[in-house]
């Protein structure tokens, strides 16, 4: 079975709570006991080996990640099918609410979006297999464990997937700074919907942009005409929540 590392107390704790396969947990000898004790207790209940090591070993294992003195070796994340995301909405008796990410490259952005997606009840996230960050240890850490609860589908052809969603009654809403319609004037966000967020630098690709049913933008009053991708995604996700509550 393919394995990978996750790091940080939130990531490891949520992996334990979700029942994900964990082979081993390393905890820094210098770590604060009040932070690590709950993890040790959960691990013991699940029969998972916990080893105390020097912090420098964890620095090497999770290089570049703020591990907070906790690293775990886990089974690699399983990606799901788009059908699974729609089935999730159906099981809950809710209109589909999806997030489509067109070549998001920064793991920090993906992690932040997954965290907001969990908070807003998004049924799943769709990413392309090529030119896109996947579910890495950094993504898990930034998502604060949300990666354990928000299913992610990885598809070969994003444009084709969008067309299939449209055939199944899902409105495709593109986010574009050059759009003429502002998000607050849109009247379809309480429908079955998939929000498309483009690449951090280039935005949506031409084919993806042309596949959208509607293009929306956020109103901008300052000198900078665009927001960080994960911030923009969060505003759009919460606007869907607001519309559905109303």
C-alpha atoms as a PDB file:
ATOM      1  CA  UNK A   1       0.000   0.000   0.000  1.00  0.00           C
ATOM      2  CA  UNK A   2       1.327   3.423  -0.907  1.00  0.00           C
ATOM      3  CA  UNK A   3       2.200   5.532   2.132  1.00  0.00           C
ATOM      4  CA  UNK A   4       2.854   9.174   2.883  1.00  0.00           C
ATOM      5  CA  UNK A   5       3.426  11.497   5.818  1.00  0.00           C
ATOM      6  CA  UNK A   6       1.107  14.042   7.383  1.00  0.00           C
ATOM      7  CA  UNK A   7       2.199  16.552  10.001  1.00  0.00           C
ATOM      8  CA  UNK A   8       0.681  18.874  12.597  1.00  0.00           C
ATOM      9  CA  UNK A   9      -1.588  18.161  15.541  1.00  0.00           C
ATOM     10  CA  UNK A  10      -4.845  19.027  13.738  1.00  0.00           C
ATOM     11  CA  UNK A  11      -4.028  16.931  10.674  1.00  0.00           C
ATOM     12  CA  UNK A  12      -3.018  13.894  12.700  1.00  0.00           C
ATOM     13  CA  UNK A  13      -5.945  14.157  15.128  1.00  0.00           C
ATOM     14  CA  UNK A  14      -8.506  14.417  12.321  1.00  0.00           C
ATOM     15  CA  UNK A  15      -6.892  11.466  10.551  1.00  0.00           C
ATOM     16  CA  UNK A  16      -7.321   9.461  13.771  1.00  0.00           C
ATOM     17  CA  UNK A  17     -10.936  10.557  14.223  1.00  0.00           C
ATOM     18  CA  UNK A  18     -11.870   9.810  10.617  1.00  0.00           C
ATOM     19  CA  UNK A  19     -10.624   6.234  10.875  1.00  0.00           C
ATOM     20  CA  UNK A  20      -7.925   6.638   8.245  1.00  0.00           C
ATOM     21  CA  UNK A  21      -5.270   3.922   8.176  1.00  0.00           C
ATOM     22  CA  UNK A  22      -2.290   5.147  10.227  1.00  0.00           C
ATOM     23  CA  UNK A  23       0.780   2.953  10.499  1.00  0.00           C
ATOM     24  CA  UNK A  24       2.878   4.931  12.966  1.00  0.00           C
ATOM     25  CA  UNK A  25       3.030   8.270  14.787  1.00  0.00           C
ATOM     26  CA  UNK A  26       6.196  10.081  15.818  1.00  0.00           C
ATOM     27  CA  UNK A  27       6.085  12.705  18.570  1.00  0.00           C
ATOM     28  CA  UNK A  28       8.933  15.054  19.442  1.00  0.00           C
ATOM     29  CA  UNK A  29      10.341  14.565  22.922  1.00  0.00           C
ATOM     30  CA  UNK A  30      10.316  18.358  23.287  1.00  0.00           C
ATOM     31  CA  UNK A  31       6.634  18.700  22.278  1.00  0.00           C
ATOM     32  CA  UNK A  32       4.180  20.264  24.713  1.00  0.00           C
ATOM     33  CA  UNK A  33       2.347  17.490  26.551  1.00  0.00           C
ATOM     34  CA  UNK A  34      -1.056  19.211  26.550  1.00  0.00           C
ATOM     35  CA  UNK A  35      -0.940  19.262  22.738  1.00  0.00           C
ATOM     36  CA  UNK A  36       0.205  15.698  22.205  1.00  0.00           C
ATOM     37  CA  UNK A  37      -1.638  13.853  25.007  1.00  0.00           C
ATOM     38  CA  UNK A  38      -5.006  13.679  23.173  1.00  0.00           C
ATOM     39  CA  UNK A  39      -3.242  12.264  20.090  1.00  0.00           C
ATOM     40  CA  UNK A  40      -1.420   9.654  22.169  1.00  0.00           C
ATOM     41  CA  UNK A  41      -4.692   8.649  23.845  1.00  0.00           C
ATOM     42  CA  UNK A  42      -6.522   8.260  20.497  1.00  0.00           C
ATOM     43  CA  UNK A  43      -3.596   6.339  19.027  1.00  0.00           C
ATOM     44  CA  UNK A  44      -3.532   3.902  21.953  1.00  0.00           C
ATOM     45  CA  UNK A  45      -7.263   3.236  21.568  1.00  0.00           C
ATOM     46  CA  UNK A  46      -6.660   2.432  17.897  1.00  0.00           C
ATOM     47  CA  UNK A  47      -3.600   0.300  18.617  1.00  0.00           C
ATOM     48  CA  UNK A  48      -1.251   2.575  16.657  1.00  0.00           C
ATOM     49  CA  UNK A  49       2.450   2.628  17.493  1.00  0.00           C
ATOM     50  CA  UNK A  50       3.647   5.956  18.932  1.00  0.00           C
ATOM     51  CA  UNK A  51       7.358   6.690  19.102  1.00  0.00           C
ATOM     52  CA  UNK A  52       9.061   9.581  20.875  1.00  0.00           C
ATOM     53  CA  UNK A  53      11.968  11.021  18.897  1.00  0.00           C
ATOM     54  CA  UNK A  54      14.177  14.075  18.816  1.00  0.00           C
ATOM     55  CA  UNK A  55      12.559  17.084  17.130  1.00  0.00           C
ATOM     56  CA  UNK A  56      15.367  17.181  14.571  1.00  0.00           C
ATOM     57  CA  UNK A  57      14.225  13.834  13.173  1.00  0.00           C
ATOM     58  CA  UNK A  58      10.756  15.270  12.556  1.00  0.00           C
ATOM     59  CA  UNK A  59      12.316  18.348  10.954  1.00  0.00           C
ATOM     60  CA  UNK A  60      13.985  16.005   8.461  1.00  0.00           C
ATOM     61  CA  UNK A  61      10.907  13.842   7.904  1.00  0.00           C
ATOM     62  CA  UNK A  62       8.508  16.751   7.343  1.00  0.00           C
ATOM     63  CA  UNK A  63      10.916  19.201   5.793  1.00  0.00           C
ATOM     64  CA  UNK A  64       9.410  22.629   5.222  1.00  0.00           C
ATOM     65  CA  UNK A  65       6.215  21.860   7.186  1.00  0.00           C
ATOM     66  CA  UNK A  66       5.366  23.207  10.644  1.00  0.00           C
ATOM     67  CA  UNK A  67       4.796  19.804  12.209  1.00  0.00           C
ATOM     68  CA  UNK A  68       4.184  21.043  15.790  1.00  0.00           C
ATOM     69  CA  UNK A  69       6.062  18.010  17.067  1.00  0.00           C
ATOM     70  CA  UNK A  70       3.720  15.427  15.506  1.00  0.00           C
ATOM     71  CA  UNK A  71       4.190  13.393  12.303  1.00  0.00           C
ATOM     72  CA  UNK A  72       2.240  10.330  11.164  1.00  0.00           C
ATOM     73  CA  UNK A  73       2.755   7.757   8.441  1.00  0.00           C
ATOM     74  CA  UNK A  74      -0.576   7.105   6.747  1.00  0.00           C
ATOM     75  CA  UNK A  75      -2.050   5.317   3.770  1.00  0.00           C
ATOM     76  CA  UNK A  76      -2.115   7.582   0.718  1.00  0.00           C
ATOM     77  CA  UNK A  77      -5.308   9.562   0.144  1.00  0.00           C
ATOM     78  CA  UNK A  78      -7.927   7.889  -1.998  1.00  0.00           C
ATOM     79  CA  UNK A  79      -9.402  10.067  -4.709  1.00  0.00           C
ATOM     80  CA  UNK A  80     -13.058   9.474  -5.530  1.00  0.00           C
ATOM     81  CA  UNK A  81     -15.179   9.623  -8.690  1.00  0.00           C
ATOM     82  CA  UNK A  82     -17.352  12.588  -9.658  1.00  0.00           C
ATOM     83  CA  UNK A  83     -20.377  10.282  -9.309  1.00  0.00           C
ATOM     84  CA  UNK A  84     -19.453   9.847  -5.637  1.00  0.00           C
ATOM     85  CA  UNK A  85     -19.698  13.600  -5.086  1.00  0.00           C
ATOM     86  CA  UNK A  86     -23.172  13.772  -6.634  1.00  0.00           C
ATOM     87  CA  UNK A  87     -24.255  10.710  -4.661  1.00  0.00           C
ATOM     88  CA  UNK A  88     -23.102  12.444  -1.467  1.00  0.00           C
ATOM     89  CA  UNK A  89     -25.435  15.361  -2.190  1.00  0.00           C
ATOM     90  CA  UNK A  90     -28.293  12.985  -2.963  1.00  0.00           C
ATOM     91  CA  UNK A  91     -27.774  11.041   0.263  1.00  0.00           C
ATOM     92  CA  UNK A  92     -28.054  14.288   2.212  1.00  0.00           C
ATOM     93  CA  UNK A  93     -31.146  15.380   0.310  1.00  0.00           C
ATOM     94  CA  UNK A  94     -29.311  18.509  -0.862  1.00  0.00           C
ATOM     95  CA  UNK A  95     -28.704  20.206  -4.196  1.00  0.00           C
ATOM     96  CA  UNK A  96     -25.190  19.475  -5.459  1.00  0.00           C
ATOM     97  CA  UNK A  97     -22.614  22.038  -4.328  1.00  0.00           C
ATOM     98  CA  UNK A  98     -19.191  21.427  -5.871  1.00  0.00           C
ATOM     99  CA  UNK A  99     -15.880  23.240  -6.211  1.00  0.00           C
ATOM    100  CA  UNK A 100     -13.891  22.865  -9.450  1.00  0.00           C
ATOM    101  CA  UNK A 101     -10.248  23.963  -9.338  1.00  0.00           C
ATOM    102  CA  UNK A 102      -8.606  24.708 -12.671  1.00  0.00           C
ATOM    103  CA  UNK A 103      -4.864  24.105 -12.245  1.00  0.00           C
ATOM    104  CA  UNK A 104      -4.422  25.371  -8.679  1.00  0.00           C
ATOM    105  CA  UNK A 105      -0.676  24.963  -8.044  1.00  0.00           C
ATOM    106  CA  UNK A 106      -0.133  26.238  -4.489  1.00  0.00           C
ATOM    107  CA  UNK A 107      -0.741  23.588  -1.791  1.00  0.00           C
ATOM    108  CA  UNK A 108      -1.527  26.378   0.687  1.00  0.00           C
ATOM    109  CA  UNK A 109      -4.387  27.546  -1.519  1.00  0.00           C
ATOM    110  CA  UNK A 110      -5.762  24.025  -1.945  1.00  0.00           C
ATOM    111  CA  UNK A 111      -5.537  23.387   1.806  1.00  0.00           C
ATOM    112  CA  UNK A 112      -7.344  26.638   2.613  1.00  0.00           C
ATOM    113  CA  UNK A 113     -10.082  25.892   0.076  1.00  0.00           C
ATOM    114  CA  UNK A 114     -10.629  22.406   1.486  1.00  0.00           C
ATOM    115  CA  UNK A 115     -10.968  23.875   4.969  1.00  0.00           C
ATOM    116  CA  UNK A 116     -13.607  26.372   3.790  1.00  0.00           C
ATOM    117  CA  UNK A 117     -15.299  23.685   1.687  1.00  0.00           C
ATOM    118  CA  UNK A 118     -15.771  21.565   4.807  1.00  0.00           C
ATOM    119  CA  UNK A 119     -17.156  24.548   6.736  1.00  0.00           C
ATOM    120  CA  UNK A 120     -19.640  25.448   3.988  1.00  0.00           C
ATOM    121  CA  UNK A 121     -20.946  21.961   3.249  1.00  0.00           C
ATOM    122  CA  UNK A 122     -19.408  21.544  -0.199  1.00  0.00           C
ATOM    123  CA  UNK A 123     -20.080  17.980  -1.369  1.00  0.00           C
ATOM    124  CA  UNK A 124     -16.704  17.616  -3.029  1.00  0.00           C
ATOM    125  CA  UNK A 125     -13.844  19.162  -4.956  1.00  0.00           C
ATOM    126  CA  UNK A 126     -12.778  18.354  -8.526  1.00  0.00           C
ATOM    127  CA  UNK A 127      -9.182  18.843  -9.695  1.00  0.00           C
ATOM    128  CA  UNK A 128      -7.365  17.909 -12.924  1.00  0.00           C
ATOM    129  CA  UNK A 129      -4.683  15.217 -12.883  1.00  0.00           C
ATOM    130  CA  UNK A 130      -2.179  17.393 -14.741  1.00  0.00           C
ATOM    131  CA  UNK A 131      -0.708  20.791 -13.793  1.00  0.00           C
ATOM    132  CA  UNK A 132      -2.432  20.801 -10.414  1.00  0.00           C
ATOM    133  CA  UNK A 133      -1.344  20.217  -6.838  1.00  0.00           C
ATOM    134  CA  UNK A 134      -2.700  17.018  -5.298  1.00  0.00           C
ATOM    135  CA  UNK A 135      -3.375  15.936  -1.726  1.00  0.00           C
ATOM    136  CA  UNK A 136       0.012  16.379  -0.071  1.00  0.00           C
ATOM    137  CA  UNK A 137       1.172  16.653   3.533  1.00  0.00           C
ATOM    138  CA  UNK A 138       1.277  20.442   3.202  1.00  0.00           C
ATOM    139  CA  UNK A 139      -2.307  20.507   1.906  1.00  0.00           C
ATOM    140  CA  UNK A 140      -3.389  18.366   4.865  1.00  0.00           C
ATOM    141  CA  UNK A 141      -1.619  20.640   7.349  1.00  0.00           C
ATOM    142  CA  UNK A 142      -3.091  23.855   5.894  1.00  0.00           C
ATOM    143  CA  UNK A 143      -6.576  22.325   5.724  1.00  0.00           C
ATOM    144  CA  UNK A 144      -6.422  21.641   9.506  1.00  0.00           C
ATOM    145  CA  UNK A 145      -7.614  18.099   8.847  1.00  0.00           C
ATOM    146  CA  UNK A 146     -10.481  19.031   6.492  1.00  0.00           C
ATOM    147  CA  UNK A 147      -8.832  16.851   3.838  1.00  0.00           C
ATOM    148  CA  UNK A 148     -10.154  13.877   5.819  1.00  0.00           C
ATOM    149  CA  UNK A 149     -13.778  14.949   5.291  1.00  0.00           C
ATOM    150  CA  UNK A 150     -14.004  16.659   1.889  1.00  0.00           C
ATOM    151  CA  UNK A 151     -13.808  14.106  -0.959  1.00  0.00           C
ATOM    152  CA  UNK A 152     -11.661  15.047  -3.932  1.00  0.00           C
ATOM    153  CA  UNK A 153     -12.146  13.733  -7.474  1.00  0.00           C
ATOM    154  CA  UNK A 154      -9.169  13.854  -9.811  1.00  0.00           C
ATOM    155  CA  UNK A 155     -10.158  13.855 -13.489  1.00  0.00           C
ATOM    156  CA  UNK A 156      -8.252  13.502 -16.755  1.00  0.00           C
ATOM    157  CA  UNK A 157     -10.333  15.990 -18.751  1.00  0.00           C
ATOM    158  CA  UNK A 158     -11.784  18.885 -16.760  1.00  0.00           C
ATOM    159  CA  UNK A 159     -13.718  20.365 -19.694  1.00  0.00           C
ATOM    160  CA  UNK A 160     -15.390  17.030 -20.410  1.00  0.00           C
ATOM    161  CA  UNK A 161     -16.266  16.624 -16.731  1.00  0.00           C
ATOM    162  CA  UNK A 162     -17.896  20.067 -16.771  1.00  0.00           C
ATOM    163  CA  UNK A 163     -20.030  19.113 -19.784  1.00  0.00           C
ATOM    164  CA  UNK A 164     -21.143  15.933 -18.011  1.00  0.00           C
ATOM    165  CA  UNK A 165     -22.107  17.928 -14.918  1.00  0.00           C
ATOM    166  CA  UNK A 166     -24.135  20.339 -17.044  1.00  0.00           C
ATOM    167  CA  UNK A 167     -25.996  17.404 -18.595  1.00  0.00           C
ATOM    168  CA  UNK A 168     -26.887  16.312 -15.062  1.00  0.00           C
ATOM    169  CA  UNK A 169     -28.392  19.668 -14.180  1.00  0.00           C
ATOM    170  CA  UNK A 170     -25.461  21.339 -12.417  1.00  0.00           C
ATOM    171  CA  UNK A 171     -24.863  25.026 -13.207  1.00  0.00           C
ATOM    172  CA  UNK A 172     -21.199  25.848 -13.845  1.00  0.00           C
ATOM    173  CA  UNK A 173     -20.252  29.226 -12.347  1.00  0.00           C
ATOM    174  CA  UNK A 174     -16.882  30.630 -13.358  1.00  0.00           C
ATOM    175  CA  UNK A 175     -15.077  33.239 -11.284  1.00  0.00           C
ATOM    176  CA  UNK A 176     -13.446  35.845 -13.509  1.00  0.00           C
ATOM    177  CA  UNK A 177     -12.190  39.335 -12.666  1.00  0.00           C
ATOM    178  CA  UNK A 178     -13.180  40.512 -16.159  1.00  0.00           C
ATOM    179  CA  UNK A 179     -16.785  39.257 -15.920  1.00  0.00           C
ATOM    180  CA  UNK A 180     -19.581  41.800 -16.361  1.00  0.00           C
ATOM    181  CA  UNK A 181     -21.887  40.353 -13.696  1.00  0.00           C
ATOM    182  CA  UNK A 182     -21.184  40.763  -9.983  1.00  0.00           C
ATOM    183  CA  UNK A 183     -21.677  37.787  -7.657  1.00  0.00           C
ATOM    184  CA  UNK A 184     -24.428  39.544  -5.665  1.00  0.00           C
ATOM    185  CA  UNK A 185     -26.562  40.023  -8.799  1.00  0.00           C
ATOM    186  CA  UNK A 186     -26.537  36.337  -9.768  1.00  0.00           C
ATOM    187  CA  UNK A 187     -29.753  34.361  -9.329  1.00  0.00           C
ATOM    188  CA  UNK A 188     -28.551  30.768  -9.759  1.00  0.00           C
ATOM    189  CA  UNK A 189     -26.447  30.207  -6.642  1.00  0.00           C
ATOM    190  CA  UNK A 190     -29.318  28.462  -4.838  1.00  0.00           C
ATOM    191  CA  UNK A 191     -29.476  25.923  -7.705  1.00  0.00           C
ATOM    192  CA  UNK A 192     -27.304  22.787  -8.136  1.00  0.00           C
ATOM    193  CA  UNK A 193     -23.995  24.538  -8.683  1.00  0.00           C
ATOM    194  CA  UNK A 194     -20.267  24.047  -9.235  1.00  0.00           C
ATOM    195  CA  UNK A 195     -17.989  27.029  -8.589  1.00  0.00           C
ATOM    196  CA  UNK A 196     -14.899  27.161 -10.818  1.00  0.00           C
ATOM    197  CA  UNK A 197     -11.723  28.768  -9.422  1.00  0.00           C
ATOM    198  CA  UNK A 198      -8.904  29.402 -11.898  1.00  0.00           C
ATOM    199  CA  UNK A 199      -5.136  29.208 -11.634  1.00  0.00           C
ATOM    200  CA  UNK A 200      -3.480  31.659  -9.219  1.00  0.00           C
ATOM    201  CA  UNK A 201      -1.751  33.572 -12.015  1.00  0.00           C
ATOM    202  CA  UNK A 202      -3.568  32.841 -15.284  1.00  0.00           C
ATOM    203  CA  UNK A 203      -7.127  32.387 -14.044  1.00  0.00           C
ATOM    204  CA  UNK A 204      -9.321  29.880 -15.857  1.00  0.00           C
ATOM    205  CA  UNK A 205      -8.111  28.347 -19.098  1.00  0.00           C
ATOM    206  CA  UNK A 206      -9.911  29.465 -22.266  1.00  0.00           C
ATOM    207  CA  UNK A 207     -11.750  26.161 -22.777  1.00  0.00           C
ATOM    208  CA  UNK A 208     -12.895  26.035 -19.153  1.00  0.00           C
ATOM    209  CA  UNK A 209     -13.992  29.673 -19.278  1.00  0.00           C
ATOM    210  CA  UNK A 210     -16.067  29.019 -22.403  1.00  0.00           C
ATOM    211  CA  UNK A 211     -17.660  25.970 -20.753  1.00  0.00           C
ATOM    212  CA  UNK A 212     -19.127  27.995 -17.867  1.00  0.00           C
ATOM    213  CA  UNK A 213     -22.853  28.801 -17.832  1.00  0.00           C
ATOM    214  CA  UNK A 214     -22.164  32.162 -16.226  1.00  0.00           C
ATOM    215  CA  UNK A 215     -19.123  34.222 -15.258  1.00  0.00           C
ATOM    216  CA  UNK A 216     -19.176  36.209 -12.027  1.00  0.00           C
ATOM    217  CA  UNK A 217     -16.780  38.618 -10.345  1.00  0.00           C
ATOM    218  CA  UNK A 218     -16.357  40.129  -6.916  1.00  0.00           C
ATOM    219  CA  UNK A 219     -16.776  43.913  -6.638  1.00  0.00           C
ATOM    220  CA  UNK A 220     -13.422  45.647  -6.239  1.00  0.00           C
ATOM    221  CA  UNK A 221     -13.011  49.117  -4.746  1.00  0.00           C
ATOM    222  CA  UNK A 222      -9.282  49.269  -4.061  1.00  0.00           C
ATOM    223  CA  UNK A 223      -6.181  49.598  -6.211  1.00  0.00           C
ATOM    224  CA  UNK A 224      -5.560  45.836  -6.433  1.00  0.00           C
ATOM    225  CA  UNK A 225      -8.015  44.194  -8.815  1.00  0.00           C
ATOM    226  CA  UNK A 226      -7.815  40.585  -7.671  1.00  0.00           C
ATOM    227  CA  UNK A 227      -7.888  38.481  -4.513  1.00  0.00           C
ATOM    228  CA  UNK A 228      -5.895  35.429  -3.484  1.00  0.00           C
ATOM    229  CA  UNK A 229      -7.549  32.354  -5.048  1.00  0.00           C
ATOM    230  CA  UNK A 230      -8.484  30.759  -1.729  1.00  0.00           C
ATOM    231  CA  UNK A 231      -9.948  34.019  -0.378  1.00  0.00           C
ATOM    232  CA  UNK A 232     -12.068  34.494  -3.508  1.00  0.00           C
ATOM    233  CA  UNK A 233     -13.185  30.865  -3.335  1.00  0.00           C
ATOM    234  CA  UNK A 234     -14.222  31.332   0.297  1.00  0.00           C
ATOM    235  CA  UNK A 235     -16.387  34.350  -0.538  1.00  0.00           C
ATOM    236  CA  UNK A 236     -18.116  32.467  -3.351  1.00  0.00           C
ATOM    237  CA  UNK A 237     -18.702  29.389  -1.173  1.00  0.00           C
ATOM    238  CA  UNK A 238     -20.253  31.424   1.626  1.00  0.00           C
ATOM    239  CA  UNK A 239     -22.440  33.324  -0.832  1.00  0.00           C
ATOM    240  CA  UNK A 240     -23.886  29.961  -1.927  1.00  0.00           C
ATOM    241  CA  UNK A 241     -24.536  29.156   1.744  1.00  0.00           C
ATOM    242  CA  UNK A 242     -26.256  32.504   2.232  1.00  0.00           C
ATOM    243  CA  UNK A 243     -28.487  32.061  -0.807  1.00  0.00           C
ATOM    244  CA  UNK A 244     -29.520  28.591   0.244  1.00  0.00           C
ATOM    245  CA  UNK A 245     -30.343  29.743   3.764  1.00  0.00           C
ATOM    246  CA  UNK A 246     -32.524  32.531   2.376  1.00  0.00           C
END
